[in-house]
C-alpha cells in the first residue's frame, strides 16, 4: 500500500482553488442577495486528519528515492548530460511508505462531501463576473491553508429588459393618440414604476433616456440609465366614430382617403 508520507517534502502547501457557477435573476442582481449554494468538494478526511493513513500504520523508507522524496534522472542531450530532479512518483514526495491506507479516504487524505454555503451577491453584479470565497476551496497539504472557491455568476435578465453594462433597455407601447397629442405614461423598472413624458408627435421607434433608472454600479455610487424605446400601437379595428374622426384628420392634412380602409391600412403600415 502507498499512502501519503510525512517525510522530506513536508512544507505546507495551499489547497487548489475550486470553481463553480451560480445563476441569479435581474432583481437579485439589482438589489443584491444572499443565496444558498450547494456543491460537492474535497475536504480533509476526519478519520486520518488528512494524513492518508492510520496513526499506527507501519512505516518504511521509500526504496525508490531512499527517503529523499525526490528522484534524479540523467539525460544525454546535444549539449551534454543533463540531470533533472522531480518528485518521487512512488511516495509522492513524502519519502516514506505506509503499510496501510486510511479506510475512508483510500490514502488521499481527503474525501468528497456535500457542502452548503451562504453567498453574498453584491448589487450591480454582471454575468461573467466571479466572487471569491476565501478558504472554501480544496484542503491544503501539510497544514497549509485551504484554497479559495471562485463562483462565476450568470444573471438571467428575463424577457422584458436587455442589459448593456449598467444600462437597461426596454420597449414600451403607447397608443396612437398618446403619440400624437403627448402624454405621461408609467414605465415599469426593476424597482417599481416611474413616470415618463411622451412628447406630442412622438414617432414609433424613438428612444427616451431615463437617467439613473438602470442597474446599480458594482461597488460604486450611482446607477446606469434606462433607455425606453417607444412602439406606437395602432388599433386593429375602429368603431364608426373613430373611423370618421381619423378620416377627417386625414382629409384635413391633405390625405386622399379611401373609405374602404386604404387610409387606415396605410396608417398602420407607417408604424
Protein backbone atom coordinates (compact mmCIF):
# COMPACT_ATOMS: atom_id res chain seq x y z
CA UNK A 1 0.00 0.00 0.00
CA UNK A 2 1.07 3.53 -0.64
CA UNK A 3 -0.41 6.45 1.25
CA UNK A 4 0.91 9.91 1.77
CA UNK A 5 4.11 10.19 3.67
CA UNK A 6 5.34 12.62 6.24
CA UNK A 7 8.94 12.65 5.07
CA UNK A 8 11.12 15.12 3.26
CA UNK A 9 8.71 17.37 1.40
CA UNK A 10 6.75 18.49 4.43
CA UNK A 11 6.37 22.15 3.54
CA UNK A 12 2.82 23.48 3.97
CA UNK A 13 1.08 23.87 0.61
CA UNK A 14 -2.13 25.77 -0.07
CA UNK A 15 -5.02 23.74 -1.49
CA UNK A 16 -6.29 24.19 -5.02
CA UNK A 17 -8.90 26.78 -5.91
CA UNK A 18 -12.27 25.35 -6.92
CA UNK A 19 -14.72 26.81 -9.45
CA UNK A 20 -18.49 26.64 -9.68
CA UNK A 21 -21.36 28.63 -11.16
CA UNK A 22 -24.46 30.37 -9.78
CA UNK A 23 -27.48 31.75 -11.66
CA UNK A 24 -29.47 34.69 -10.27
CA UNK A 25 -32.28 36.81 -11.68
CA UNK A 26 -32.15 40.50 -12.57
CA UNK A 27 -33.93 41.62 -9.41
CA UNK A 28 -31.36 39.80 -7.26
CA UNK A 29 -28.57 41.43 -9.27
CA UNK A 30 -30.25 44.81 -8.77
CA UNK A 31 -30.82 44.66 -5.01
CA UNK A 32 -28.08 42.22 -4.02
CA UNK A 33 -28.99 38.96 -2.33
CA UNK A 34 -27.90 36.14 -0.07
CA UNK A 35 -28.01 32.82 -1.91
CA UNK A 36 -27.56 29.24 -0.72
CA UNK A 37 -25.05 27.32 -2.85
CA UNK A 38 -24.66 23.54 -2.64
CA UNK A 39 -21.65 21.77 -4.10
CA UNK A 40 -19.58 18.63 -3.69
CA UNK A 41 -15.96 19.39 -2.85
CA UNK A 42 -12.90 17.69 -1.34
CA UNK A 43 -12.37 18.21 2.35
CA UNK A 44 -9.75 16.92 4.77
CA UNK A 45 -10.52 13.38 5.96
CA UNK A 46 -11.54 13.43 9.63
CA UNK A 47 -10.64 9.79 10.18
CA UNK A 48 -6.93 10.21 9.44
CA UNK A 49 -6.80 14.01 9.91
CA UNK A 50 -5.69 14.39 6.31
CA UNK A 51 -2.64 12.13 6.66
CA UNK A 52 -3.92 9.34 4.40
CA UNK A 53 -3.05 6.53 6.83
CA UNK A 54 -3.95 5.35 10.32
CA UNK A 55 -1.71 6.77 13.04
CA UNK A 56 -0.46 3.28 13.98
CA UNK A 57 0.28 2.15 10.40
CA UNK A 58 3.68 0.54 9.73
CA UNK A 59 6.07 2.95 8.02
CA UNK A 60 9.18 2.32 5.96
CA UNK A 61 11.55 4.41 3.90
CA UNK A 62 10.64 4.66 0.25
CA UNK A 63 13.10 2.42 -1.65
CA UNK A 64 12.81 4.37 -4.89
CA UNK A 65 14.10 7.68 -3.52
CA UNK A 66 15.75 6.38 -0.33
CA UNK A 67 13.62 8.74 1.75
CA UNK A 68 14.62 11.89 -0.10
CA UNK A 69 11.20 12.42 -1.67
CA UNK A 70 12.86 13.25 -4.97
CA UNK A 71 14.43 11.24 -7.76
CA UNK A 72 17.09 12.26 -10.24
CA UNK A 73 17.28 11.37 -13.88
CA UNK A 74 20.23 11.93 -16.20
CA UNK A 75 19.54 12.53 -19.87
CA UNK A 76 22.01 12.76 -22.72
CA UNK A 77 21.32 15.83 -24.88
CA UNK A 78 23.22 17.52 -27.75
CA UNK A 79 24.52 19.92 -25.10
CA UNK A 80 25.77 17.14 -22.86
CA UNK A 81 24.42 15.27 -19.88
CA UNK A 82 21.51 16.99 -18.11
CA UNK A 83 20.41 16.00 -14.63
CA UNK A 84 16.75 16.52 -13.76
CA UNK A 85 15.18 16.32 -10.31
CA UNK A 86 11.50 15.51 -9.84
CA UNK A 87 9.09 14.41 -7.11
CA UNK A 88 9.27 10.70 -6.39
CA UNK A 89 6.25 9.07 -8.08
CA UNK A 90 6.06 6.21 -5.58
CA UNK A 91 5.84 8.12 -2.28
CA UNK A 92 4.61 11.38 -3.89
CA UNK A 93 7.43 13.32 -2.26
CA UNK A 94 6.81 12.05 1.26
CA UNK A 95 9.93 9.89 1.48
CA UNK A 96 8.03 7.23 3.42
CA UNK A 97 5.56 4.47 2.62
CA UNK A 98 2.86 3.27 4.96
CA UNK A 99 1.70 -0.30 5.28
CA UNK A 100 -1.97 0.66 5.44
CA UNK A 101 -4.14 3.31 3.81
CA UNK A 102 -6.95 5.11 5.58
CA UNK A 103 -10.14 3.10 5.11
CA UNK A 104 -12.27 6.22 4.49
CA UNK A 105 -10.18 8.24 2.03
CA UNK A 106 -8.10 5.41 0.49
CA UNK A 107 -4.84 7.21 1.25
CA UNK A 108 -5.76 10.51 -0.42
CA UNK A 109 -6.12 12.40 2.85
CA UNK A 110 -9.33 13.99 1.51
CA UNK A 111 -12.91 12.90 0.90
CA UNK A 112 -15.65 14.47 -1.24
CA UNK A 113 -18.51 15.90 0.76
CA UNK A 114 -21.64 17.92 0.09
CA UNK A 115 -21.37 21.47 1.39
CA UNK A 116 -23.95 24.27 1.56
CA UNK A 117 -22.56 27.79 1.62
CA UNK A 118 -24.20 31.18 2.07
CA UNK A 119 -23.08 33.51 -0.75
CA UNK A 120 -23.42 37.29 -0.55
CA UNK A 121 -24.30 38.70 -4.00
CA UNK A 122 -23.38 42.39 -4.32
CA UNK A 123 -25.82 44.74 -6.05
CA UNK A 124 -24.88 45.50 -9.65
CA UNK A 125 -23.01 42.29 -10.45
CA UNK A 126 -22.93 41.26 -14.13
CA UNK A 127 -22.88 37.94 -15.94
CA UNK A 128 -19.37 36.50 -16.18
CA UNK A 129 -18.07 38.20 -13.05
CA UNK A 130 -16.76 35.96 -10.24
CA UNK A 131 -17.00 36.06 -6.47
CA UNK A 132 -14.16 34.69 -4.36
CA UNK A 133 -14.82 32.89 -1.07
CA UNK A 134 -11.51 32.59 0.74
CA UNK A 135 -10.70 29.26 2.35
CA UNK A 136 -13.67 27.42 0.82
CA UNK A 137 -11.62 25.52 -1.77
CA UNK A 138 -9.72 22.25 -1.60
CA UNK A 139 -7.83 21.42 1.62
CA UNK A 140 -4.15 22.27 1.88
CA UNK A 141 -1.36 19.80 2.44
CA UNK A 142 0.98 19.51 5.40
CA UNK A 143 -1.02 22.02 7.38
CA UNK A 144 -1.29 24.51 4.54
CA UNK A 145 -4.40 26.69 4.16
CA UNK A 146 -7.40 25.73 2.06
CA UNK A 147 -7.71 27.10 -1.44
CA UNK A 148 -10.47 29.51 -2.44
CA UNK A 149 -13.84 28.96 -4.12
CA UNK A 150 -14.47 31.04 -7.26
CA UNK A 151 -18.15 31.45 -8.15
CA UNK A 152 -18.94 32.64 -11.67
CA UNK A 153 -22.28 34.47 -11.72
CA UNK A 154 -24.81 34.28 -14.53
CA UNK A 155 -27.58 36.91 -14.45
CA UNK A 156 -30.84 35.81 -16.06
CA UNK A 157 -32.17 39.14 -17.36
CA UNK A 158 -35.57 37.74 -18.37
CA UNK A 159 -37.75 38.78 -21.31
CA UNK A 160 -38.63 42.40 -20.52
CA UNK A 161 -35.21 44.03 -20.30
CA UNK A 162 -31.95 43.94 -22.18
CA UNK A 163 -28.79 44.81 -20.26
CA UNK A 164 -25.75 46.67 -21.53
CA UNK A 165 -23.28 47.08 -18.69
CA UNK A 166 -25.08 49.18 -16.08
CA UNK A 167 -27.73 50.37 -18.56
CA UNK A 168 -31.06 48.70 -19.26
CA UNK A 169 -33.17 48.81 -22.43
CA UNK A 170 -36.91 48.23 -22.60
CA UNK A 171 -39.70 48.55 -25.15
CA UNK A 172 -42.86 50.44 -24.19
CA UNK A 173 -46.13 50.54 -26.12
CA UNK A 174 -48.09 53.80 -26.46
CA UNK A 175 -51.35 54.40 -28.27
CA UNK A 176 -51.71 56.43 -31.45
CA UNK A 177 -53.46 59.35 -29.63
CA UNK A 178 -50.75 59.36 -26.94
CA UNK A 179 -48.08 59.64 -29.62
CA UNK A 180 -49.98 62.38 -31.47
CA UNK A 181 -51.05 64.54 -28.55
CA UNK A 182 -48.39 63.59 -25.99
CA UNK A 183 -48.99 62.04 -22.59
CA UNK A 184 -47.39 60.89 -19.36
CA UNK A 185 -47.04 57.10 -19.15
CA UNK A 186 -45.90 54.76 -16.42
CA UNK A 187 -42.86 52.61 -17.20
CA UNK A 188 -42.11 49.54 -15.10
CA UNK A 189 -38.47 49.42 -13.98
CA UNK A 190 -36.67 46.78 -11.94
CA UNK A 191 -37.58 48.54 -8.69
CA UNK A 192 -41.05 49.90 -9.44
CA UNK A 193 -42.78 52.17 -11.92
CA UNK A 194 -41.73 55.68 -12.93
CA UNK A 195 -43.46 58.35 -15.00
CA UNK A 196 -42.15 59.27 -18.43
CA UNK A 197 -43.29 62.16 -20.60
CA UNK A 198 -44.16 61.27 -24.18
CA UNK A 199 -43.97 64.48 -26.22
CA UNK A 200 -46.60 65.21 -28.84
CA UNK A 201 -45.59 63.97 -32.27
CA UNK A 202 -43.56 61.06 -30.92
CA UNK A 203 -42.63 58.59 -33.65
CA UNK A 204 -42.60 54.83 -33.28
CA UNK A 205 -39.04 53.66 -32.56
CA UNK A 206 -37.96 56.82 -30.73
CA UNK A 207 -35.86 56.15 -27.63
CA UNK A 208 -36.01 58.12 -24.40
CA UNK A 209 -33.37 58.05 -21.66
CA UNK A 210 -34.37 57.87 -18.01
CA UNK A 211 -31.22 58.89 -16.19
CA UNK A 212 -30.27 56.88 -13.12
CA UNK A 213 -33.01 54.28 -13.60
CA UNK A 214 -30.72 51.43 -14.69
CA UNK A 215 -28.63 48.98 -12.67
CA UNK A 216 -26.54 49.93 -9.63
CA UNK A 217 -22.84 50.35 -10.35
CA UNK A 218 -20.96 47.49 -8.72
CA UNK A 219 -19.27 48.70 -5.51
CA UNK A 220 -19.60 52.29 -6.72
CA UNK A 221 -22.14 55.04 -6.25
CA UNK A 222 -24.85 55.79 -8.74
CA UNK A 223 -26.83 53.82 -11.28
CA UNK A 224 -26.87 53.36 -15.01
CA UNK A 225 -29.68 54.62 -17.24
CA UNK A 226 -32.88 53.10 -18.59
CA UNK A 227 -33.45 53.52 -22.33
CA UNK A 228 -37.11 53.27 -23.33
CA UNK A 229 -37.91 52.61 -26.99
CA UNK A 230 -41.46 53.60 -27.85
CA UNK A 231 -43.67 51.46 -30.10
CA UNK A 232 -46.83 53.21 -31.31
CA UNK A 233 -49.68 50.73 -31.32
CA UNK A 234 -52.33 51.19 -34.00
CA UNK A 235 -55.66 49.53 -33.09
CA UNK A 236 -56.69 46.52 -35.13
CA UNK A 237 -60.26 47.78 -35.54
CA UNK A 238 -62.18 51.06 -35.27
CA UNK A 239 -65.77 51.88 -34.49
CA UNK A 240 -67.64 54.27 -36.79
CA UNK A 241 -66.96 57.33 -34.65
CA UNK A 242 -63.23 56.61 -34.52
CA UNK A 243 -63.10 55.94 -38.26
CA UNK A 244 -64.91 59.19 -39.06
CA UNK A 245 -62.56 61.14 -36.82
CA UNK A 246 -59.47 59.63 -38.45
CA UNK A 247 -60.81 60.23 -41.94
CA UNK A 248 -61.50 63.85 -41.03
CA UNK A 249 -57.98 64.06 -39.62
CA UNK A 250 -56.53 62.68 -42.85
CA UNK A 251 -58.59 64.96 -45.08
CA UNK A 252 -57.55 67.98 -43.04
CA UNK A 253 -53.95 67.03 -43.70
CA UNK A 254 -54.50 66.64 -47.41
CA UNK A 255 -54.55 62.83 -47.46
CA UNK A 256 -56.55 61.02 -50.12
CA UNK A 257 -58.92 58.88 -48.08
CA UNK A 258 -60.14 55.52 -49.32
CA UNK A 259 -63.30 54.91 -47.32
CA UNK A 260 -62.83 51.19 -47.87
CA UNK A 261 -59.98 51.22 -45.40
CA UNK A 262 -56.99 52.05 -47.58
CA UNK A 263 -56.04 55.03 -45.46
CA UNK A 264 -56.16 53.05 -42.26
CA UNK A 265 -54.02 50.28 -43.71
CA UNK A 266 -51.57 52.94 -44.83
CA UNK A 267 -51.60 54.41 -41.32
CA UNK A 268 -50.84 51.05 -39.74
CA UNK A 269 -48.06 50.31 -42.19
CA UNK A 270 -46.43 53.64 -41.46
CA UNK A 271 -45.81 52.49 -37.92
